[in-house]
Protein backbone atom coordinates (compact mmCIF):
# COMPACT_ATOMS: atom_id res chain seq x y z
CA MET A 1 74.23 33.68 60.59
CA ILE A 2 72.71 34.78 57.62
CA ASP A 3 73.81 36.63 54.15
CA GLU A 4 71.95 37.67 51.18
CA TRP A 5 73.01 38.57 47.59
CA ILE A 6 70.60 39.25 44.16
CA PHE A 7 70.02 35.41 42.48
CA GLY A 8 68.79 37.11 39.42
CA THR A 9 66.36 39.22 37.94
CA THR A 10 63.00 38.61 36.31
CA GLU A 11 61.49 39.19 33.04
CA GLU A 12 59.64 42.02 34.65
CA GLY A 13 62.94 43.64 36.27
CA LYS A 14 62.09 42.09 39.65
CA GLU A 15 65.32 41.42 41.93
CA VAL A 16 65.30 37.39 43.33
CA ARG A 17 67.03 37.09 46.17
CA ALA A 18 69.30 34.79 48.25
CA PHE A 19 69.94 34.23 51.47
CA THR A 20 72.44 31.69 52.99
CA LEU A 21 72.16 30.14 56.72
CA THR A 22 74.88 28.66 58.63
CA ASN A 23 75.25 27.47 61.88
CA GLY A 24 77.95 27.15 64.41
CA ASN A 25 78.70 23.40 63.18
CA GLY A 26 79.94 24.93 59.26
CA MET A 27 76.79 23.97 57.77
CA GLU A 28 75.45 25.91 54.69
CA VAL A 29 71.49 26.69 53.81
CA ASN A 30 70.82 28.72 50.55
CA VAL A 31 67.13 29.87 50.21
CA LEU A 32 65.53 31.85 47.26
CA SER A 33 62.34 34.09 47.05
CA TRP A 34 61.30 32.89 44.21
CA GLY A 35 59.61 30.02 45.13
CA ALA A 36 60.68 30.21 48.38
CA THR A 37 62.53 27.53 47.09
CA LEU A 38 65.38 25.52 49.37
CA TRP A 39 68.21 26.04 46.50
CA ARG A 40 71.11 24.15 48.35
CA VAL A 41 71.95 22.53 51.47
CA LEU A 42 75.93 21.50 52.29
CA VAL A 43 76.56 19.42 55.22
CA PRO A 44 80.34 19.21 56.71
CA ASP A 45 80.98 15.13 55.76
CA TYR A 46 82.96 12.72 58.16
CA GLN A 47 86.07 14.96 57.27
CA GLY A 48 84.94 18.90 57.58
CA ASP A 49 84.61 19.21 53.95
CA LEU A 50 80.60 20.45 52.31
CA ARG A 51 78.81 18.30 50.47
CA ASP A 52 75.70 19.23 48.84
CA VAL A 53 72.73 16.99 50.05
CA VAL A 54 69.79 18.37 47.61
CA LEU A 55 69.74 18.52 43.63
CA TYR A 56 69.16 22.13 42.71
CA GLN A 57 69.34 24.26 38.93
CA GLU A 58 72.06 26.17 38.73
CA ASN A 59 70.27 29.54 37.59
CA LEU A 60 66.76 31.47 37.50
CA ALA A 61 65.93 30.52 34.01
CA ASP A 62 66.60 26.55 34.65
CA ILE A 63 64.24 27.29 37.83
CA LYS A 64 61.66 28.16 36.30
CA ALA A 65 61.64 25.93 33.21
CA ASP A 66 62.00 23.35 35.78
CA THR A 67 59.29 20.92 35.22
CA THR A 68 60.32 18.59 38.85
CA PHE A 69 59.70 21.56 41.31
CA MET A 70 63.24 20.62 42.69
CA GLY A 71 63.28 22.49 46.25
CA GLY A 72 60.16 24.84 45.78
CA CYS A 73 57.18 25.70 48.37
CA ILE A 74 54.16 24.07 46.54
CA GLY A 75 51.04 25.03 47.28
CA PRO A 76 48.04 25.75 48.32
CA HIS A 77 47.97 22.41 47.24
CA GLY A 78 50.26 19.79 47.13
CA ASN A 79 50.37 16.88 45.36
CA ARG A 80 46.72 15.56 43.33
CA ILE A 81 43.23 16.53 43.21
CA GLY A 82 41.62 13.81 41.17
CA GLY A 83 39.20 15.24 38.11
CA ALA A 84 41.10 18.90 38.69
CA SER A 85 37.66 20.13 40.48
CA PHE A 86 36.44 20.21 44.00
CA GLU A 87 33.30 21.06 45.35
CA LEU A 88 33.19 23.54 48.50
CA ASN A 89 30.30 24.65 50.70
CA GLY A 90 28.30 23.32 47.41
CA LYS A 91 30.01 24.99 44.65
CA SER A 92 32.20 23.28 42.15
CA TYR A 93 35.52 24.63 41.60
CA PRO A 94 36.96 23.88 38.60
CA LEU A 95 41.43 23.35 38.44
CA ASP A 96 43.91 23.69 36.05
CA VAL A 97 44.16 19.82 34.55
CA ASN A 98 48.35 19.24 34.21
CA ASN A 99 48.69 15.55 35.10
CA ASN A 100 46.28 13.38 32.87
CA GLU A 101 42.58 14.51 34.05
CA ASN A 102 43.84 15.72 37.45
CA ASN A 103 45.57 18.79 38.76
CA LEU A 104 49.19 18.49 40.19
CA HIS A 105 50.74 20.75 42.67
CA SER A 106 47.86 23.38 41.85
CA GLY A 107 48.53 24.00 38.71
CA SER A 108 49.25 27.41 37.19
CA ALA A 109 48.64 28.57 40.99
CA CYS A 110 51.29 26.87 42.35
CA PHE A 111 53.52 29.00 45.12
CA PHE A 112 56.90 27.50 43.33
CA GLY A 113 56.43 29.61 39.98
CA LYS A 114 55.71 32.97 42.03
CA LEU A 115 58.03 35.34 43.41
CA TRP A 116 57.46 35.90 47.53
CA GLU A 117 58.28 38.81 49.44
CA ALA A 118 61.36 38.08 51.94
CA GLU A 119 62.17 39.20 55.06
CA PRO A 120 65.90 37.89 56.63
CA GLY A 121 65.73 37.85 60.59
CA GLU A 122 68.98 36.48 62.78
CA ASP A 123 68.98 32.91 62.79
CA ALA A 124 66.02 32.47 59.73
CA VAL A 125 64.32 33.85 56.49
CA LEU A 126 60.57 34.61 56.50
CA PHE A 127 58.72 34.47 52.91
CA ARG A 128 55.05 36.25 52.46
CA LEU A 129 53.16 35.79 49.32
CA GLN A 130 49.43 36.93 48.56
CA ALA A 131 47.29 34.44 46.61
CA PRO A 132 44.03 36.04 44.65
CA ASP A 133 40.77 34.95 44.80
CA GLY A 134 40.23 32.54 41.59
CA GLU A 135 44.10 31.88 40.66
CA GLY A 136 44.02 28.51 39.19
CA GLY A 137 40.60 27.91 40.13
CA PHE A 138 41.31 28.02 44.17
CA PRO A 139 38.73 30.39 46.06
CA GLY A 140 40.00 32.85 49.00
CA ASN A 141 42.32 35.90 49.09
CA ARG A 142 45.11 34.02 50.70
CA SER A 143 47.73 35.05 52.96
CA VAL A 144 50.66 32.80 53.16
CA GLU A 145 54.12 32.71 54.89
CA VAL A 146 56.90 30.32 55.23
CA ILE A 147 60.07 30.18 57.32
CA TYR A 148 62.77 28.84 56.84
CA ARG A 149 65.36 28.05 59.96
CA LEU A 150 68.92 26.21 60.49
CA THR A 151 69.69 25.12 63.95
CA GLU A 152 72.63 24.20 65.84
CA ASP A 153 71.30 20.61 65.50
CA ASN A 154 71.66 20.28 61.65
CA THR A 155 67.82 20.47 61.00
CA VAL A 156 66.46 22.41 58.59
CA GLU A 157 63.38 23.72 60.13
CA ILE A 158 60.26 25.18 57.66
CA GLU A 159 56.88 26.69 59.29
CA TYR A 160 54.49 27.21 57.01
CA ARG A 161 51.27 29.46 57.91
CA GLY A 162 47.94 30.73 55.86
CA THR A 163 45.06 32.51 56.46
CA SER A 164 41.75 33.17 53.38
CA ASP A 165 39.01 35.59 53.64
CA SER A 166 36.90 32.51 52.13
CA ASP A 167 36.58 28.79 52.59
CA THR A 168 39.52 27.50 50.50
CA LEU A 169 42.06 24.13 50.47
CA MET A 170 45.49 24.51 52.12
CA ASN A 171 47.89 21.76 52.19
CA MET A 172 51.54 23.00 51.10
CA THR A 173 54.72 20.95 51.38
CA ASN A 174 58.44 21.18 50.05
CA HIS A 175 59.16 19.68 47.03
CA ALA A 176 63.33 19.51 47.94
CA TYR A 177 65.11 16.18 46.23
CA PHE A 178 67.68 14.68 48.45
CA ASN A 179 70.65 12.85 47.66
CA LEU A 180 73.10 11.85 50.38
CA GLY A 181 76.04 10.88 48.13
CA ASN A 182 77.30 11.17 44.70
CA MET A 183 74.64 13.60 42.59
CA ASP A 184 75.72 12.05 40.10
CA ASP A 185 74.44 8.35 41.51
CA HIS A 186 71.24 6.89 41.51
CA VAL A 187 70.17 7.15 45.36
CA LEU A 188 68.59 3.68 45.37
CA GLN A 189 71.76 2.19 47.91
CA THR A 190 70.08 4.90 50.71
CA LYS A 191 68.80 3.15 53.45
CA LEU A 192 65.71 4.38 54.75
CA TRP A 193 63.23 3.95 57.15
CA ILE A 194 59.18 5.36 57.23
CA ASP A 195 56.95 4.86 60.23
CA ALA A 196 54.06 3.99 58.52
CA ASP A 197 51.76 1.13 58.73
CA ALA A 198 49.96 1.80 55.50
CA VAL A 199 49.65 3.78 52.20
CA THR A 200 47.05 5.11 50.78
CA GLU A 201 45.66 2.88 47.41
CA VAL A 202 45.92 4.78 43.94
CA ASP A 203 44.59 3.62 40.82
CA ALA A 204 46.49 4.24 37.69
CA GLY A 205 46.57 8.05 37.78
CA LEU A 206 48.09 8.22 41.30
CA ILE A 207 44.48 9.33 42.62
CA PRO A 208 44.11 7.36 45.82
CA THR A 209 40.91 5.25 46.14
CA GLY A 210 39.82 6.15 49.69
CA LYS A 211 40.98 2.55 50.67
CA LEU A 212 44.38 2.53 52.98
CA LEU A 213 46.50 -0.80 52.35
CA PRO A 214 48.39 -2.47 54.80
CA VAL A 215 52.05 -2.27 53.91
CA GLU A 216 53.00 -5.54 55.82
CA ASN A 217 54.18 -8.39 53.45
CA THR A 218 54.65 -5.53 50.84
CA VAL A 219 56.94 -3.76 49.00
CA PHE A 220 55.75 -0.51 50.75
CA ASP A 221 56.78 -1.76 54.06
CA PHE A 222 59.78 0.35 55.30
CA ARG A 223 59.31 -0.21 58.96
CA GLU A 224 62.67 -1.95 59.39
CA ALA A 225 65.03 -0.07 56.89
CA LYS A 226 65.73 -1.09 53.69
CA MET A 227 67.39 0.04 50.75
CA ILE A 228 65.39 2.24 47.85
CA GLY A 229 66.42 -0.08 45.43
CA ARG A 230 65.61 -3.90 46.97
CA ASP A 231 61.89 -3.31 45.82
CA ALA A 232 61.91 -0.18 44.07
CA PHE A 233 61.65 -2.28 40.68
CA ARG A 234 59.12 -5.02 41.95
CA PHE A 235 56.54 -3.97 38.84
CA GLU A 236 54.69 -7.11 39.69
CA ASP A 237 53.37 -4.97 42.70
CA GLU A 238 50.44 -3.12 40.85
CA GLN A 239 50.63 -0.28 42.71
CA LEU A 240 54.56 0.22 42.39
CA SER A 241 54.11 -0.04 38.57
CA TYR A 242 51.21 2.46 38.50
CA GLY A 243 54.15 4.89 39.58
CA GLY A 244 57.36 3.65 37.46
CA GLY A 245 58.35 3.05 40.96
CA TYR A 246 57.98 5.04 44.62
CA ASP A 247 55.43 8.02 44.42
CA HIS A 248 52.88 7.15 47.17
CA ASN A 249 51.85 8.79 49.94
CA PHE A 250 52.32 6.83 53.46
CA VAL A 251 49.82 7.44 56.40
CA LEU A 252 51.63 8.04 59.08
CA ASN A 253 52.04 6.78 62.68
CA GLY A 254 51.56 9.35 65.21
CA SER A 255 50.07 12.43 65.54
CA GLY A 256 51.51 16.11 66.86
CA TYR A 257 55.57 16.87 65.81
CA ARG A 258 57.77 13.60 65.98
CA LYS A 259 60.10 11.88 63.72
CA VAL A 260 58.67 9.76 61.11
CA ALA A 261 61.14 8.58 58.35
CA SER A 262 64.94 8.42 58.21
CA ALA A 263 67.38 7.87 55.70
CA PHE A 264 71.14 6.75 55.19
CA LEU A 265 73.76 6.49 53.20
CA ALA A 266 76.67 3.74 53.70
CA GLU A 267 79.35 5.10 51.36
CA SER A 268 79.26 9.07 52.35
CA GLY A 269 78.08 8.58 56.29
CA ILE A 270 75.64 10.91 56.02
CA GLY A 271 72.43 10.72 57.12
CA MET A 272 68.78 12.34 57.62
CA GLU A 273 65.95 12.46 59.96
CA VAL A 274 62.33 13.87 59.18
CA PHE A 275 59.87 15.39 61.90
CA THR A 276 56.29 16.29 60.97
CA ASP A 277 53.14 17.29 62.14
CA GLN A 278 51.64 15.89 59.31
CA PRO A 279 49.66 13.20 58.75
CA GLY A 280 51.34 11.73 55.07
CA LEU A 281 54.77 11.45 53.52
CA GLN A 282 54.48 11.60 49.92
CA PHE A 283 58.04 9.09 48.96
CA TYR A 284 58.99 9.43 45.50
CA CYS A 285 62.36 8.56 43.85
CA GLY A 286 62.66 10.50 41.23
CA ASN A 287 61.23 7.96 38.71
CA PHE A 288 60.97 11.03 36.30
CA LEU A 289 64.05 13.31 37.39
CA GLU A 290 65.27 15.14 34.35
CA ALA A 291 68.03 16.96 33.49
CA PRO A 292 70.78 18.24 34.82
CA TYR A 293 70.26 15.17 36.93
CA GLY A 294 68.16 12.04 35.66
CA LYS A 295 66.59 8.59 36.81
CA ASN A 296 66.63 8.18 40.57
CA ARG A 297 69.15 10.70 41.29
CA GLY A 298 67.21 12.09 44.16
CA PHE A 299 64.47 10.93 46.29
CA ALA A 300 61.80 13.27 47.83
CA MET A 301 60.20 13.25 51.42
CA GLU A 302 56.92 15.88 50.91
CA THR A 303 55.14 16.10 54.21
CA GLN A 304 51.69 16.51 53.46
CA HIS A 305 47.87 15.73 53.97
CA PHE A 306 47.07 12.96 51.83
CA PRO A 307 46.62 13.25 48.18
CA ASP A 308 42.81 14.08 46.98
CA SER A 309 41.73 14.36 50.54
CA VAL A 310 38.93 16.67 49.50
CA HIS A 311 36.92 13.86 47.78
CA HIS A 312 37.89 11.47 50.25
CA GLU A 313 35.65 11.87 53.77
CA ASN A 314 37.69 9.26 55.41
CA PHE A 315 41.22 11.29 55.19
CA PRO A 316 41.91 14.12 57.15
CA SER A 317 40.48 17.55 55.86
CA VAL A 318 42.23 20.00 53.75
CA VAL A 319 39.73 22.29 54.36
CA LEU A 320 40.48 26.06 55.67
CA ARG A 321 38.08 27.70 57.26
CA GLN A 322 37.26 31.63 56.70
CA GLY A 323 39.41 33.11 59.90
CA GLU A 324 41.35 29.70 60.79
CA GLU A 325 44.97 29.85 60.68
CA TYR A 326 46.96 27.09 58.52
CA TYR A 327 50.47 26.05 60.54
CA THR A 328 52.88 22.87 59.87
CA LYS A 329 55.84 22.61 60.77
CA THR A 330 58.55 20.37 59.29
CA GLY A 331 62.37 19.26 59.95
CA TYR A 332 64.99 18.01 57.72
CA ARG A 333 67.89 17.19 60.31
CA PHE A 334 71.20 15.72 58.94
CA THR A 335 73.98 13.62 60.76
CA VAL A 336 77.49 12.46 59.69
CA ASP A 337 79.23 9.04 60.64
CA VAL A 338 82.20 7.77 59.52
CA PRO A 339 81.40 5.80 56.34
CA GLU A 340 81.64 2.25 56.24
CA LYS A 341 84.72 0.63 54.23
CA LYS A 342 83.51 -1.24 51.13
């Protein structure tokens, strides 16, 4: 079932629409036409009470002022592009410089800062956006879509589609921050598993060097579930120190749509499984989160192609060719168990 209401109005007088998706288990998901934002996700706990499991801003003004991309659809290119420029078909494309000397989440062209067209269906909401040629430096007139669906097994499914009238870059994701317990508390007690044997090595600006680092015997080994906080502040590891904690791309094992990660908080009994067809997952534990929350109050699990792929031939390509369709799918499935007694 889908309900709709007016969430707010832009300075230009355009309405921002909000949609509530519910399923037979009582789970509730709210999405917004501003930024195609995953605004709130409420999961019934073991007693049947709804609990927020994503961080959110209360109103449109706070969402528009948010610099942490909370819940927003990120595109056309999520994550970082080194040097804030790239070359495609022999032509150089300068981009916005908004992260040291680099481009982060597409700068002024980011889809999070746009008002999308919305079309609710029976069990899903479709958002559409037209991105003009040259916006933020990215080539091509692009048509993109994001579909949010809530299934009966408590999975929030997100599908991304895109086309362009000329060759361009496309690497879309969602920047929800999850907290499976009390949002006034940190997420360091959350137990995390990631199916990845390697991470992409980065320099001090968090730009990949092109090298893949094995996770074995490092702070990045989540192949057996461990608490996020166990190794999060071991800054003697140079890679970890660069991000002030975890903010790294994990090279996922396998291919196709598959389970790649899971999280569980014993205190609440709430768990989450991550499914994707993407090769990478950016795990960020909120090292620089701002009001109304704070440091380490949420963790992001951004399914993606690798950061700065356009500069590394050994990375999966983020080039979308004219006439081709970009498509990817991610799912966040929530489970509930009786919490452990202290």
